[in-house]
């Protein structure tokens, strides 16, 4: 049985999801990726991540709406969410549906402390 915390990375830019998956894997996490919010919601039917990292600007559904839907599900209600965007002014960030917002570009030395803080005390 895998006891690594599971992180779901959601971004429509494949190079970002691949880079995050590789880096987070090196940091000791299990990582699954989705290229849009709809795909992420499908993954949540079979997997419950310890944390979700999502871009805001994506086709079909933005990251804020994804976070609202994640928090509305009993199985993921308490899952911490980190939202990221290079254009925060384009989003309604007043929603209480996420824990952390980071402006892109997000460097790992800024991301990792947030991940560790949000996962502190949680079991995988």
PDB file of N, CA and C in Angstrom:
ATOM      1  N   UNK A   1       0.843  -1.195   0.000  1.00  0.00           N
ATOM      2  CA  UNK A   1       0.000   0.000   0.000  1.00  0.00           C
ATOM      3  C   UNK A   1       0.881   1.249   0.000  1.00  0.00           C
ATOM      4  N   UNK A   2       0.498   2.203  -0.804  1.00  0.00           N
ATOM      5  CA  UNK A   2       1.251   3.438  -0.940  1.00  0.00           C
ATOM      6  C   UNK A   2       0.863   4.392   0.191  1.00  0.00           C
ATOM      7  N   UNK A   3       1.844   4.848   0.956  1.00  0.00           N
ATOM      8  CA  UNK A   3       1.528   5.779   2.032  1.00  0.00           C
ATOM      9  C   UNK A   3       1.982   7.199   1.714  1.00  0.00           C
ATOM     10  N   UNK A   4       2.289   7.460   0.455  1.00  0.00           N
ATOM     11  CA  UNK A   4       2.656   8.805   0.044  1.00  0.00           C
ATOM     12  C   UNK A   4       1.382   9.642  -0.106  1.00  0.00           C
ATOM     13  N   UNK A   5       1.399  10.902   0.356  1.00  0.00           N
ATOM     14  CA  UNK A   5       0.232  11.755   0.135  1.00  0.00           C
ATOM     15  C   UNK A   5       0.001  11.954  -1.372  1.00  0.00           C
ATOM     16  N   UNK A   6      -1.259  11.902  -1.773  1.00  0.00           N
ATOM     17  CA  UNK A   6      -1.644  12.064  -3.171  1.00  0.00           C
ATOM     18  C   UNK A   6      -1.966  13.522  -3.458  1.00  0.00           C
ATOM     19  N   UNK A   7      -1.323  14.069  -4.485  1.00  0.00           N
ATOM     20  CA  UNK A   7      -1.594  15.436  -4.918  1.00  0.00           C
ATOM     21  C   UNK A   7      -2.152  15.391  -6.338  1.00  0.00           C
ATOM     22  N   UNK A   8      -3.250  16.108  -6.554  1.00  0.00           N
ATOM     23  CA  UNK A   8      -3.828  16.275  -7.884  1.00  0.00           C
ATOM     24  C   UNK A   8      -3.395  17.635  -8.413  1.00  0.00           C
ATOM     25  N   UNK A   9      -2.745  17.635  -9.582  1.00  0.00           N
ATOM     26  CA  UNK A   9      -2.314  18.875 -10.241  1.00  0.00           C
ATOM     27  C   UNK A   9      -3.191  19.066 -11.467  1.00  0.00           C
ATOM     28  N   UNK A  10      -3.830  20.241 -11.556  1.00  0.00           N
ATOM     29  CA  UNK A  10      -4.759  20.528 -12.644  1.00  0.00           C
ATOM     30  C   UNK A  10      -4.283  21.772 -13.386  1.00  0.00           C
ATOM     31  N   UNK A  11      -3.971  21.607 -14.656  1.00  0.00           N
ATOM     32  CA  UNK A  11      -3.540  22.741 -15.491  1.00  0.00           C
ATOM     33  C   UNK A  11      -3.699  22.338 -16.941  1.00  0.00           C
ATOM     34  N   UNK A  12      -4.137  23.268 -17.770  1.00  0.00           N
ATOM     35  CA  UNK A  12      -4.323  22.952 -19.187  1.00  0.00           C
ATOM     36  C   UNK A  12      -3.016  22.987 -19.969  1.00  0.00           C
ATOM     37  N   UNK A  13      -1.931  23.385 -19.327  1.00  0.00           N
ATOM     38  CA  UNK A  13      -0.625  23.351 -19.971  1.00  0.00           C
ATOM     39  C   UNK A  13       0.103  22.087 -19.523  1.00  0.00           C
ATOM     40  N   UNK A  14       0.240  21.143 -20.445  1.00  0.00           N
ATOM     41  CA  UNK A  14       0.802  19.823 -20.126  1.00  0.00           C
ATOM     42  C   UNK A  14       2.213  19.938 -19.568  1.00  0.00           C
ATOM     43  N   UNK A  15       3.010  20.877 -20.075  1.00  0.00           N
ATOM     44  CA  UNK A  15       4.372  21.005 -19.552  1.00  0.00           C
ATOM     45  C   UNK A  15       4.373  21.364 -18.071  1.00  0.00           C
ATOM     46  N   UNK A  16       3.372  22.104 -17.626  1.00  0.00           N
ATOM     47  CA  UNK A  16       3.274  22.459 -16.207  1.00  0.00           C
ATOM     48  C   UNK A  16       2.902  21.232 -15.382  1.00  0.00           C
ATOM     49  N   UNK A  17       1.886  20.483 -15.819  1.00  0.00           N
ATOM     50  CA  UNK A  17       1.493  19.296 -15.044  1.00  0.00           C
ATOM     51  C   UNK A  17       2.631  18.284 -14.993  1.00  0.00           C
ATOM     52  N   UNK A  18       3.337  18.103 -16.101  1.00  0.00           N
ATOM     53  CA  UNK A  18       4.452  17.147 -16.118  1.00  0.00           C
ATOM     54  C   UNK A  18       5.593  17.600 -15.211  1.00  0.00           C
ATOM     55  N   UNK A  19       5.907  18.880 -15.240  1.00  0.00           N
ATOM     56  CA  UNK A  19       6.982  19.416 -14.401  1.00  0.00           C
ATOM     57  C   UNK A  19       6.626  19.282 -12.921  1.00  0.00           C
ATOM     58  N   UNK A  20       5.399  19.655 -12.567  1.00  0.00           N
ATOM     59  CA  UNK A  20       4.963  19.545 -11.173  1.00  0.00           C
ATOM     60  C   UNK A  20       4.955  18.083 -10.735  1.00  0.00           C
ATOM     61  N   UNK A  21       4.467  17.193 -11.582  1.00  0.00           N
ATOM     62  CA  UNK A  21       4.417  15.766 -11.238  1.00  0.00           C
ATOM     63  C   UNK A  21       5.822  15.234 -10.971  1.00  0.00           C
ATOM     64  N   UNK A  22       6.761  15.592 -11.815  1.00  0.00           N
ATOM     65  CA  UNK A  22       8.140  15.142 -11.643  1.00  0.00           C
ATOM     66  C   UNK A  22       8.734  15.686 -10.345  1.00  0.00           C
ATOM     67  N   UNK A  23       8.601  16.976 -10.138  1.00  0.00           N
ATOM     68  CA  UNK A  23       9.167  17.604  -8.941  1.00  0.00           C
ATOM     69  C   UNK A  23       8.526  17.064  -7.663  1.00  0.00           C
ATOM     70  N   UNK A  24       7.204  17.011  -7.639  1.00  0.00           N
ATOM     71  CA  UNK A  24       6.506  16.541  -6.438  1.00  0.00           C
ATOM     72  C   UNK A  24       6.790  15.069  -6.169  1.00  0.00           C
ATOM     73  N   UNK A  25       6.989  14.295  -7.239  1.00  0.00           N
ATOM     74  CA  UNK A  25       7.395  12.902  -7.075  1.00  0.00           C
ATOM     75  C   UNK A  25       8.742  12.806  -6.387  1.00  0.00           C
ATOM     76  N   UNK A  26       9.683  13.656  -6.783  1.00  0.00           N
ATOM     77  CA  UNK A  26      10.997  13.689  -6.131  1.00  0.00           C
ATOM     78  C   UNK A  26      10.881  14.093  -4.664  1.00  0.00           C
ATOM     79  N   UNK A  27       9.851  14.894  -4.350  1.00  0.00           N
ATOM     80  CA  UNK A  27       9.642  15.356  -2.971  1.00  0.00           C
ATOM     81  C   UNK A  27       8.888  14.331  -2.123  1.00  0.00           C
ATOM     82  N   UNK A  28       8.551  13.180  -2.718  1.00  0.00           N
ATOM     83  CA  UNK A  28       7.943  12.107  -1.942  1.00  0.00           C
ATOM     84  C   UNK A  28       6.431  12.015  -2.019  1.00  0.00           C
ATOM     85  N   UNK A  29       5.833  12.668  -3.000  1.00  0.00           N
ATOM     86  CA  UNK A  29       4.383  12.624  -3.151  1.00  0.00           C
ATOM     87  C   UNK A  29       3.991  11.716  -4.309  1.00  0.00           C
ATOM     88  N   UNK A  30       2.801  11.151  -4.219  1.00  0.00           N
ATOM     89  CA  UNK A  30       2.188  10.500  -5.367  1.00  0.00           C
ATOM     90  C   UNK A  30       1.412  11.595  -6.086  1.00  0.00           C
ATOM     91  N   UNK A  31       1.496  11.647  -7.399  1.00  0.00           N
ATOM     92  CA  UNK A  31       0.872  12.733  -8.152  1.00  0.00           C
ATOM     93  C   UNK A  31       0.010  12.174  -9.271  1.00  0.00           C
ATOM     94  N   UNK A  32      -1.189  12.727  -9.405  1.00  0.00           N
ATOM     95  CA  UNK A  32      -2.028  12.493 -10.576  1.00  0.00           C
ATOM     96  C   UNK A  32      -2.294  13.854 -11.195  1.00  0.00           C
ATOM     97  N   UNK A  33      -2.516  13.860 -12.496  1.00  0.00           N
ATOM     98  CA  UNK A  33      -2.706  15.132 -13.188  1.00  0.00           C
ATOM     99  C   UNK A  33      -3.986  15.121 -14.007  1.00  0.00           C
ATOM    100  N   UNK A  34      -4.503  16.325 -14.229  1.00  0.00           N
ATOM    101  CA  UNK A  34      -5.654  16.521 -15.096  1.00  0.00           C
ATOM    102  C   UNK A  34      -5.377  17.759 -15.933  1.00  0.00           C
ATOM    103  N   UNK A  35      -5.818  17.726 -17.188  1.00  0.00           N
ATOM    104  CA  UNK A  35      -5.563  18.847 -18.090  1.00  0.00           C
ATOM    105  C   UNK A  35      -6.697  19.859 -18.136  1.00  0.00           C
ATOM    106  N   UNK A  36      -7.743  19.608 -17.362  1.00  0.00           N
ATOM    107  CA  UNK A  36      -8.818  20.594 -17.208  1.00  0.00           C
ATOM    108  C   UNK A  36      -9.646  20.214 -15.987  1.00  0.00           C
ATOM    109  N   UNK A  37     -10.534  21.104 -15.593  1.00  0.00           N
ATOM    110  CA  UNK A  37     -11.324  20.885 -14.381  1.00  0.00           C
ATOM    111  C   UNK A  37     -12.297  19.722 -14.527  1.00  0.00           C
ATOM    112  N   UNK A  38     -12.854  19.534 -15.703  1.00  0.00           N
ATOM    113  CA  UNK A  38     -13.791  18.425 -15.906  1.00  0.00           C
ATOM    114  C   UNK A  38     -13.093  17.083 -15.723  1.00  0.00           C
ATOM    115  N   UNK A  39     -11.881  16.978 -16.253  1.00  0.00           N
ATOM    116  CA  UNK A  39     -11.092  15.757 -16.073  1.00  0.00           C
ATOM    117  C   UNK A  39     -10.753  15.561 -14.591  1.00  0.00           C
ATOM    118  N   UNK A  40     -10.468  16.647 -13.895  1.00  0.00           N
ATOM    119  CA  UNK A  40     -10.167  16.560 -12.463  1.00  0.00           C
ATOM    120  C   UNK A  40     -11.369  16.013 -11.693  1.00  0.00           C
ATOM    121  N   UNK A  41     -12.552  16.496 -12.009  1.00  0.00           N
ATOM    122  CA  UNK A  41     -13.762  16.025 -11.332  1.00  0.00           C
ATOM    123  C   UNK A  41     -13.977  14.535 -11.597  1.00  0.00           C
ATOM    124  N   UNK A  42     -13.693  14.092 -12.816  1.00  0.00           N
ATOM    125  CA  UNK A  42     -13.792  12.664 -13.130  1.00  0.00           C
ATOM    126  C   UNK A  42     -12.826  11.856 -12.266  1.00  0.00           C
ATOM    127  N   UNK A  43     -11.608  12.352 -12.096  1.00  0.00           N
ATOM    128  CA  UNK A  43     -10.616  11.649 -11.273  1.00  0.00           C
ATOM    129  C   UNK A  43     -11.067  11.557  -9.816  1.00  0.00           C
ATOM    130  N   UNK A  44     -11.779  12.576  -9.343  1.00  0.00           N
ATOM    131  CA  UNK A  44     -12.223  12.588  -7.952  1.00  0.00           C
ATOM    132  C   UNK A  44     -13.262  11.506  -7.661  1.00  0.00           C
ATOM    133  N   UNK A  45     -13.856  10.948  -8.699  1.00  0.00           N
ATOM    134  CA  UNK A  45     -14.817   9.856  -8.508  1.00  0.00           C
ATOM    135  C   UNK A  45     -14.122   8.588  -8.015  1.00  0.00           C
ATOM    136  N   UNK A  46     -12.828   8.453  -8.343  1.00  0.00           N
ATOM    137  CA  UNK A  46     -12.119   7.234  -7.965  1.00  0.00           C
ATOM    138  C   UNK A  46     -10.924   7.463  -7.040  1.00  0.00           C
ATOM    139  N   UNK A  47     -10.481   8.693  -6.905  1.00  0.00           N
ATOM    140  CA  UNK A  47      -9.313   9.009  -6.065  1.00  0.00           C
ATOM    141  C   UNK A  47      -9.641  10.212  -5.180  1.00  0.00           C
ATOM    142  N   UNK A  48      -9.127  10.209  -3.975  1.00  0.00           N
ATOM    143  CA  UNK A  48      -9.305  11.352  -3.079  1.00  0.00           C
ATOM    144  C   UNK A  48      -7.931  11.894  -2.722  1.00  0.00           C
ATOM    145  N   UNK A  49      -7.547  12.993  -3.336  1.00  0.00           N
ATOM    146  CA  UNK A  49      -6.210  13.539  -3.062  1.00  0.00           C
ATOM    147  C   UNK A  49      -6.131  14.185  -1.680  1.00  0.00           C
ATOM    148  N   UNK A  50      -4.910  14.233  -1.174  1.00  0.00           N
ATOM    149  CA  UNK A  50      -4.655  14.929   0.088  1.00  0.00           C
ATOM    150  C   UNK A  50      -4.637  16.434  -0.141  1.00  0.00           C
ATOM    151  N   UNK A  51      -4.352  16.846  -1.400  1.00  0.00           N
ATOM    152  CA  UNK A  51      -4.233  18.268  -1.738  1.00  0.00           C
ATOM    153  C   UNK A  51      -4.429  18.416  -3.233  1.00  0.00           C
ATOM    154  N   UNK A  52      -4.989  19.556  -3.637  1.00  0.00           N
ATOM    155  CA  UNK A  52      -5.170  19.865  -5.057  1.00  0.00           C
ATOM    156  C   UNK A  52      -4.452  21.173  -5.359  1.00  0.00           C
ATOM    157  N   UNK A  53      -3.695  21.168  -6.450  1.00  0.00           N
ATOM    158  CA  UNK A  53      -3.056  22.380  -6.978  1.00  0.00           C
ATOM    159  C   UNK A  53      -3.692  22.622  -8.335  1.00  0.00           C
ATOM    160  N   UNK A  54      -4.287  23.797  -8.529  1.00  0.00           N
ATOM    161  CA  UNK A  54      -4.984  24.053  -9.785  1.00  0.00           C
ATOM    162  C   UNK A  54      -4.707  25.441 -10.333  1.00  0.00           C
ATOM    163  N   UNK A  55      -4.578  25.482 -11.639  1.00  0.00           N
ATOM    164  CA  UNK A  55      -4.546  26.747 -12.364  1.00  0.00           C
ATOM    165  C   UNK A  55      -5.942  27.347 -12.293  1.00  0.00           C
ATOM    166  N   UNK A  56      -6.043  28.647 -12.425  1.00  0.00           N
ATOM    167  CA  UNK A  56      -7.362  29.293 -12.479  1.00  0.00           C
ATOM    168  C   UNK A  56      -7.899  29.337 -13.903  1.00  0.00           C
ATOM    169  N   UNK A  57      -7.063  29.738 -14.841  1.00  0.00           N
ATOM    170  CA  UNK A  57      -7.526  29.966 -16.211  1.00  0.00           C
ATOM    171  C   UNK A  57      -7.421  28.693 -17.038  1.00  0.00           C
ATOM    172  N   UNK A  58      -8.594  28.057 -17.251  1.00  0.00           N
ATOM    173  CA  UNK A  58      -8.650  26.830 -18.040  1.00  0.00           C
ATOM    174  C   UNK A  58      -9.942  26.835 -18.853  1.00  0.00           C
ATOM    175  N   UNK A  59      -9.966  26.081 -19.951  1.00  0.00           N
ATOM    176  CA  UNK A  59     -11.210  25.994 -20.726  1.00  0.00           C
ATOM    177  C   UNK A  59     -12.273  25.186 -19.972  1.00  0.00           C
ATOM    178  N   UNK A  60     -13.506  25.351 -20.325  1.00  0.00           N
ATOM    179  CA  UNK A  60     -14.668  24.624 -19.801  1.00  0.00           C
ATOM    180  C   UNK A  60     -15.083  25.079 -18.405  1.00  0.00           C
ATOM    181  N   UNK A  61     -14.139  25.142 -17.470  1.00  0.00           N
ATOM    182  CA  UNK A  61     -14.425  25.524 -16.092  1.00  0.00           C
ATOM    183  C   UNK A  61     -13.132  26.048 -15.482  1.00  0.00           C
ATOM    184  N   UNK A  62     -13.204  27.198 -14.817  1.00  0.00           N
ATOM    185  CA  UNK A  62     -11.970  27.736 -14.236  1.00  0.00           C
ATOM    186  C   UNK A  62     -11.678  27.093 -12.876  1.00  0.00           C
ATOM    187  N   UNK A  63     -10.521  27.398 -12.359  1.00  0.00           N
ATOM    188  CA  UNK A  63     -10.080  26.796 -11.116  1.00  0.00           C
ATOM    189  C   UNK A  63     -10.916  27.189  -9.914  1.00  0.00           C
ATOM    190  N   UNK A  64     -11.471  28.406  -9.918  1.00  0.00           N
ATOM    191  CA  UNK A  64     -12.322  28.829  -8.806  1.00  0.00           C
ATOM    192  C   UNK A  64     -13.580  27.966  -8.776  1.00  0.00           C
ATOM    193  N   UNK A  65     -14.217  27.764  -9.924  1.00  0.00           N
ATOM    194  CA  UNK A  65     -15.408  26.921  -9.980  1.00  0.00           C
ATOM    195  C   UNK A  65     -15.062  25.475  -9.613  1.00  0.00           C
ATOM    196  N   UNK A  66     -13.911  25.005 -10.058  1.00  0.00           N
ATOM    197  CA  UNK A  66     -13.473  23.668  -9.664  1.00  0.00           C
ATOM    198  C   UNK A  66     -13.383  23.577  -8.142  1.00  0.00           C
ATOM    199  N   UNK A  67     -12.781  24.570  -7.518  1.00  0.00           N
ATOM    200  CA  UNK A  67     -12.627  24.534  -6.057  1.00  0.00           C
ATOM    201  C   UNK A  67     -13.986  24.549  -5.353  1.00  0.00           C
ATOM    202  N   UNK A  68     -14.945  25.284  -5.894  1.00  0.00           N
ATOM    203  CA  UNK A  68     -16.299  25.298  -5.332  1.00  0.00           C
ATOM    204  C   UNK A  68     -16.905  23.894  -5.403  1.00  0.00           C
ATOM    205  N   UNK A  69     -16.738  23.249  -6.558  1.00  0.00           N
ATOM    206  CA  UNK A  69     -17.294  21.904  -6.725  1.00  0.00           C
ATOM    207  C   UNK A  69     -16.585  20.883  -5.834  1.00  0.00           C
ATOM    208  N   UNK A  70     -15.277  21.028  -5.678  1.00  0.00           N
ATOM    209  CA  UNK A  70     -14.525  20.122  -4.803  1.00  0.00           C
ATOM    210  C   UNK A  70     -15.031  20.242  -3.365  1.00  0.00           C
ATOM    211  N   UNK A  71     -15.220  21.466  -2.895  1.00  0.00           N
ATOM    212  CA  UNK A  71     -15.654  21.695  -1.517  1.00  0.00           C
ATOM    213  C   UNK A  71     -17.111  21.275  -1.299  1.00  0.00           C
ATOM    214  N   UNK A  72     -17.894  21.152  -2.368  1.00  0.00           N
ATOM    215  CA  UNK A  72     -19.289  20.736  -2.263  1.00  0.00           C
ATOM    216  C   UNK A  72     -19.429  19.217  -2.142  1.00  0.00           C
ATOM    217  N   UNK A  73     -18.376  18.474  -2.448  1.00  0.00           N
ATOM    218  CA  UNK A  73     -18.413  16.998  -2.387  1.00  0.00           C
ATOM    219  C   UNK A  73     -18.042  16.542  -0.978  1.00  0.00           C
ATOM    220  N   UNK A  74     -18.841  15.663  -0.387  1.00  0.00           N
ATOM    221  CA  UNK A  74     -18.499  15.179   0.962  1.00  0.00           C
ATOM    222  C   UNK A  74     -17.108  14.540   1.040  1.00  0.00           C
ATOM    223  N   UNK A  75     -16.702  13.823   0.008  1.00  0.00           N
ATOM    224  CA  UNK A  75     -15.417  13.114   0.052  1.00  0.00           C
ATOM    225  C   UNK A  75     -14.213  14.049  -0.048  1.00  0.00           C
ATOM    226  N   UNK A  76     -14.404  15.247  -0.572  1.00  0.00           N
ATOM    227  CA  UNK A  76     -13.277  16.173  -0.756  1.00  0.00           C
ATOM    228  C   UNK A  76     -13.496  17.521  -0.064  1.00  0.00           C
ATOM    229  N   UNK A  77     -14.509  17.600   0.740  1.00  0.00           N
ATOM    230  CA  UNK A  77     -14.863  18.856   1.418  1.00  0.00           C
ATOM    231  C   UNK A  77     -13.684  19.464   2.176  1.00  0.00           C
ATOM    232  N   UNK A  78     -12.867  18.615   2.788  1.00  0.00           N
ATOM    233  CA  UNK A  78     -11.753  19.103   3.597  1.00  0.00           C
ATOM    234  C   UNK A  78     -10.406  19.058   2.877  1.00  0.00           C
ATOM    235  N   UNK A  79     -10.431  18.815   1.581  1.00  0.00           N
ATOM    236  CA  UNK A  79      -9.197  18.760   0.804  1.00  0.00           C
ATOM    237  C   UNK A  79      -8.674  20.176   0.577  1.00  0.00           C
ATOM    238  N   UNK A  80      -7.464  20.485   1.021  1.00  0.00           N
ATOM    239  CA  UNK A  80      -6.924  21.819   0.781  1.00  0.00           C
ATOM    240  C   UNK A  80      -6.629  22.033  -0.707  1.00  0.00           C
ATOM    241  N   UNK A  81      -6.845  23.270  -1.136  1.00  0.00           N
ATOM    242  CA  UNK A  81      -6.660  23.631  -2.546  1.00  0.00           C
ATOM    243  C   UNK A  81      -5.754  24.850  -2.636  1.00  0.00           C
ATOM    244  N   UNK A  82      -4.771  24.737  -3.532  1.00  0.00           N
ATOM    245  CA  UNK A  82      -3.911  25.864  -3.887  1.00  0.00           C
ATOM    246  C   UNK A  82      -4.289  26.275  -5.301  1.00  0.00           C
ATOM    247  N   UNK A  83      -4.739  27.520  -5.470  1.00  0.00           N
ATOM    248  CA  UNK A  83      -5.038  28.053  -6.797  1.00  0.00           C
ATOM    249  C   UNK A  83      -3.883  28.926  -7.246  1.00  0.00           C
ATOM    250  N   UNK A  84      -3.659  28.906  -8.572  1.00  0.00           N
ATOM    251  CA  UNK A  84      -2.573  29.698  -9.151  1.00  0.00           C
ATOM    252  C   UNK A  84      -3.086  30.405 -10.400  1.00  0.00           C
ATOM    253  N   UNK A  85      -2.578  31.608 -10.646  1.00  0.00           N
ATOM    254  CA  UNK A  85      -2.912  32.310 -11.883  1.00  0.00           C
ATOM    255  C   UNK A  85      -1.884  33.399 -12.142  1.00  0.00           C
ATOM    256  N   UNK A  86      -1.616  33.614 -13.409  1.00  0.00           N
ATOM    257  CA  UNK A  86      -0.765  34.723 -13.810  1.00  0.00           C
ATOM    258  C   UNK A  86      -1.563  36.004 -13.985  1.00  0.00           C
ATOM    259  N   UNK A  87      -2.898  35.890 -13.933  1.00  0.00           N
ATOM    260  CA  UNK A  87      -3.781  37.051 -14.105  1.00  0.00           C
ATOM    261  C   UNK A  87      -4.884  37.008 -13.052  1.00  0.00           C
ATOM    262  N   UNK A  88      -4.536  37.222 -11.785  1.00  0.00           N
ATOM    263  CA  UNK A  88      -5.536  37.107 -10.718  1.00  0.00           C
ATOM    264  C   UNK A  88      -6.703  38.080 -10.865  1.00  0.00           C
ATOM    265  N   UNK A  89      -6.472  39.200 -11.541  1.00  0.00           N
ATOM    266  CA  UNK A  89      -7.541  40.181 -11.714  1.00  0.00           C
ATOM    267  C   UNK A  89      -8.679  39.658 -12.586  1.00  0.00           C
ATOM    268  N   UNK A  90      -8.470  38.578 -13.291  1.00  0.00           N
ATOM    269  CA  UNK A  90      -9.502  37.982 -14.152  1.00  0.00           C
ATOM    270  C   UNK A  90     -10.429  37.028 -13.410  1.00  0.00           C
ATOM    271  N   UNK A  91     -10.188  36.819 -12.125  1.00  0.00           N
ATOM    272  CA  UNK A  91     -10.940  35.815 -11.383  1.00  0.00           C
ATOM    273  C   UNK A  91     -11.584  36.408 -10.143  1.00  0.00           C
ATOM    274  N   UNK A  92     -12.716  35.844  -9.753  1.00  0.00           N
ATOM    275  CA  UNK A  92     -13.367  36.220  -8.505  1.00  0.00           C
ATOM    276  C   UNK A  92     -12.726  35.415  -7.393  1.00  0.00           C
ATOM    277  N   UNK A  93     -11.740  35.987  -6.771  1.00  0.00           N
ATOM    278  CA  UNK A  93     -10.974  35.275  -5.755  1.00  0.00           C
ATOM    279  C   UNK A  93     -11.547  35.464  -4.351  1.00  0.00           C
ATOM    280  N   UNK A  94     -12.777  35.982  -4.266  1.00  0.00           N
ATOM    281  CA  UNK A  94     -13.424  36.158  -2.969  1.00  0.00           C
ATOM    282  C   UNK A  94     -14.043  34.873  -2.447  1.00  0.00           C
ATOM    283  N   UNK A  95     -14.080  33.838  -3.263  1.00  0.00           N
ATOM    284  CA  UNK A  95     -14.658  32.563  -2.863  1.00  0.00           C
ATOM    285  C   UNK A  95     -13.857  31.951  -1.712  1.00  0.00           C
ATOM    286  N   UNK A  96     -14.533  31.419  -0.707  1.00  0.00           N
ATOM    287  CA  UNK A  96     -13.823  30.761   0.396  1.00  0.00           C
ATOM    288  C   UNK A  96     -13.505  29.293   0.100  1.00  0.00           C
ATOM    289  N   UNK A  97     -13.475  28.932  -1.169  1.00  0.00           N
ATOM    290  CA  UNK A  97     -13.366  27.524  -1.550  1.00  0.00           C
ATOM    291  C   UNK A  97     -11.930  27.037  -1.734  1.00  0.00           C
ATOM    292  N   UNK A  98     -10.961  27.845  -1.432  1.00  0.00           N
ATOM    293  CA  UNK A  98      -9.559  27.432  -1.555  1.00  0.00           C
ATOM    294  C   UNK A  98      -8.788  27.992  -0.370  1.00  0.00           C
ATOM    295  N   UNK A  99      -7.645  27.399  -0.096  1.00  0.00           N
ATOM    296  CA  UNK A  99      -6.860  27.806   1.069  1.00  0.00           C
ATOM    297  C   UNK A  99      -5.765  28.810   0.734  1.00  0.00           C
ATOM    298  N   UNK A 100      -5.150  28.661  -0.448  1.00  0.00           N
ATOM    299  CA  UNK A 100      -4.001  29.499  -0.802  1.00  0.00           C
ATOM    300  C   UNK A 100      -4.120  29.922  -2.260  1.00  0.00           C
ATOM    301  N   UNK A 101      -3.782  31.182  -2.539  1.00  0.00           N
ATOM    302  CA  UNK A 101      -3.655  31.655  -3.916  1.00  0.00           C
ATOM    303  C   UNK A 101      -2.208  32.070  -4.131  1.00  0.00           C
ATOM    304  N   UNK A 102      -1.630  31.600  -5.233  1.00  0.00           N
ATOM    305  CA  UNK A 102      -0.263  31.985  -5.598  1.00  0.00           C
ATOM    306  C   UNK A 102      -0.267  32.543  -7.010  1.00  0.00           C
ATOM    307  N   UNK A 103       0.432  33.652  -7.185  1.00  0.00           N
ATOM    308  CA  UNK A 103       0.530  34.261  -8.506  1.00  0.00           C
ATOM    309  C   UNK A 103       1.609  33.551  -9.320  1.00  0.00           C
ATOM    310  N   UNK A 104       1.260  33.191 -10.556  1.00  0.00           N
ATOM    311  CA  UNK A 104       2.234  32.572 -11.460  1.00  0.00           C
ATOM    312  C   UNK A 104       3.197  33.625 -11.963  1.00  0.00           C
ATOM    313  N   UNK A 105       4.430  33.288 -12.209  1.00  0.00           N
ATOM    314  CA  UNK A 105       5.005  31.946 -12.085  1.00  0.00           C
ATOM    315  C   UNK A 105       5.203  31.576 -10.623  1.00  0.00           C
ATOM    316  N   UNK A 106       4.911  30.304 -10.314  1.00  0.00           N
ATOM    317  CA  UNK A 106       5.058  29.784  -8.960  1.00  0.00           C
ATOM    318  C   UNK A 106       6.323  28.933  -8.923  1.00  0.00           C
ATOM    319  N   UNK A 107       7.253  29.358  -8.100  1.00  0.00           N
ATOM    320  CA  UNK A 107       8.502  28.630  -7.969  1.00  0.00           C
ATOM    321  C   UNK A 107       8.382  27.623  -6.827  1.00  0.00           C
ATOM    322  N   UNK A 108       9.079  26.509  -6.947  1.00  0.00           N
ATOM    323  CA  UNK A 108       8.934  25.432  -5.981  1.00  0.00           C
ATOM    324  C   UNK A 108       9.341  25.838  -4.578  1.00  0.00           C
ATOM    325  N   UNK A 109      10.291  26.776  -4.442  1.00  0.00           N
ATOM    326  CA  UNK A 109      10.684  27.201  -3.104  1.00  0.00           C
ATOM    327  C   UNK A 109       9.576  27.984  -2.411  1.00  0.00           C
ATOM    328  N   UNK A 110       8.608  28.464  -3.166  1.00  0.00           N
ATOM    329  CA  UNK A 110       7.420  29.125  -2.605  1.00  0.00           C
ATOM    330  C   UNK A 110       6.281  28.124  -2.430  1.00  0.00           C
ATOM    331  N   UNK A 111       6.183  27.163  -3.342  1.00  0.00           N
ATOM    332  CA  UNK A 111       5.094  26.186  -3.326  1.00  0.00           C
ATOM    333  C   UNK A 111       5.267  25.141  -2.216  1.00  0.00           C
ATOM    334  N   UNK A 112       6.454  24.606  -2.061  1.00  0.00           N
ATOM    335  CA  UNK A 112       6.663  23.504  -1.113  1.00  0.00           C
ATOM    336  C   UNK A 112       6.318  23.862   0.330  1.00  0.00           C
ATOM    337  N   UNK A 113       6.688  25.041   0.832  1.00  0.00           N
ATOM    338  CA  UNK A 113       6.284  25.365   2.205  1.00  0.00           C
ATOM    339  C   UNK A 113       4.756  25.398   2.374  1.00  0.00           C
ATOM    340  N   UNK A 114       4.046  25.867   1.349  1.00  0.00           N
ATOM    341  CA  UNK A 114       2.578  25.896   1.416  1.00  0.00           C
ATOM    342  C   UNK A 114       2.013  24.476   1.426  1.00  0.00           C
ATOM    343  N   UNK A 115       2.557  23.611   0.578  1.00  0.00           N
ATOM    344  CA  UNK A 115       2.102  22.221   0.545  1.00  0.00           C
ATOM    345  C   UNK A 115       2.337  21.571   1.901  1.00  0.00           C
ATOM    346  N   UNK A 116       3.519  21.719   2.439  1.00  0.00           N
ATOM    347  CA  UNK A 116       3.849  21.092   3.721  1.00  0.00           C
ATOM    348  C   UNK A 116       2.986  21.638   4.845  1.00  0.00           C
ATOM    349  N   UNK A 117       2.733  22.943   4.823  1.00  0.00           N
ATOM    350  CA  UNK A 117       1.882  23.560   5.852  1.00  0.00           C
ATOM    351  C   UNK A 117       0.460  23.017   5.770  1.00  0.00           C
ATOM    352  N   UNK A 118      -0.077  22.937   4.556  1.00  0.00           N
ATOM    353  CA  UNK A 118      -1.457  22.474   4.387  1.00  0.00           C
ATOM    354  C   UNK A 118      -1.619  20.992   4.714  1.00  0.00           C
ATOM    355  N   UNK A 119      -0.561  20.216   4.526  1.00  0.00           N
ATOM    356  CA  UNK A 119      -0.632  18.773   4.789  1.00  0.00           C
ATOM    357  C   UNK A 119      -0.170  18.395   6.201  1.00  0.00           C
ATOM    358  N   UNK A 120       0.351  19.344   6.945  1.00  0.00           N
ATOM    359  CA  UNK A 120       0.857  19.050   8.290  1.00  0.00           C
ATOM    360  C   UNK A 120      -0.239  18.416   9.144  1.00  0.00           C
ATOM    361  N   UNK A 121       0.096  17.277   9.733  1.00  0.00           N
ATOM    362  CA  UNK A 121      -0.838  16.610  10.616  1.00  0.00           C
ATOM    363  C   UNK A 121      -1.887  15.760   9.938  1.00  0.00           C
ATOM    364  N   UNK A 122      -1.913  15.748   8.611  1.00  0.00           N
ATOM    365  CA  UNK A 122      -2.877  14.926   7.876  1.00  0.00           C
ATOM    366  C   UNK A 122      -2.276  13.566   7.582  1.00  0.00           C
ATOM    367  N   UNK A 123      -3.105  12.548   7.548  1.00  0.00           N
ATOM    368  CA  UNK A 123      -2.627  11.231   7.155  1.00  0.00           C
ATOM    369  C   UNK A 123      -2.893  11.051   5.669  1.00  0.00           C
ATOM    370  N   UNK A 124      -2.017  10.334   4.969  1.00  0.00           N
ATOM    371  CA  UNK A 124      -2.194  10.174   3.522  1.00  0.00           C
ATOM    372  C   UNK A 124      -3.460   9.407   3.173  1.00  0.00           C
TER     373      UNK A 124
END
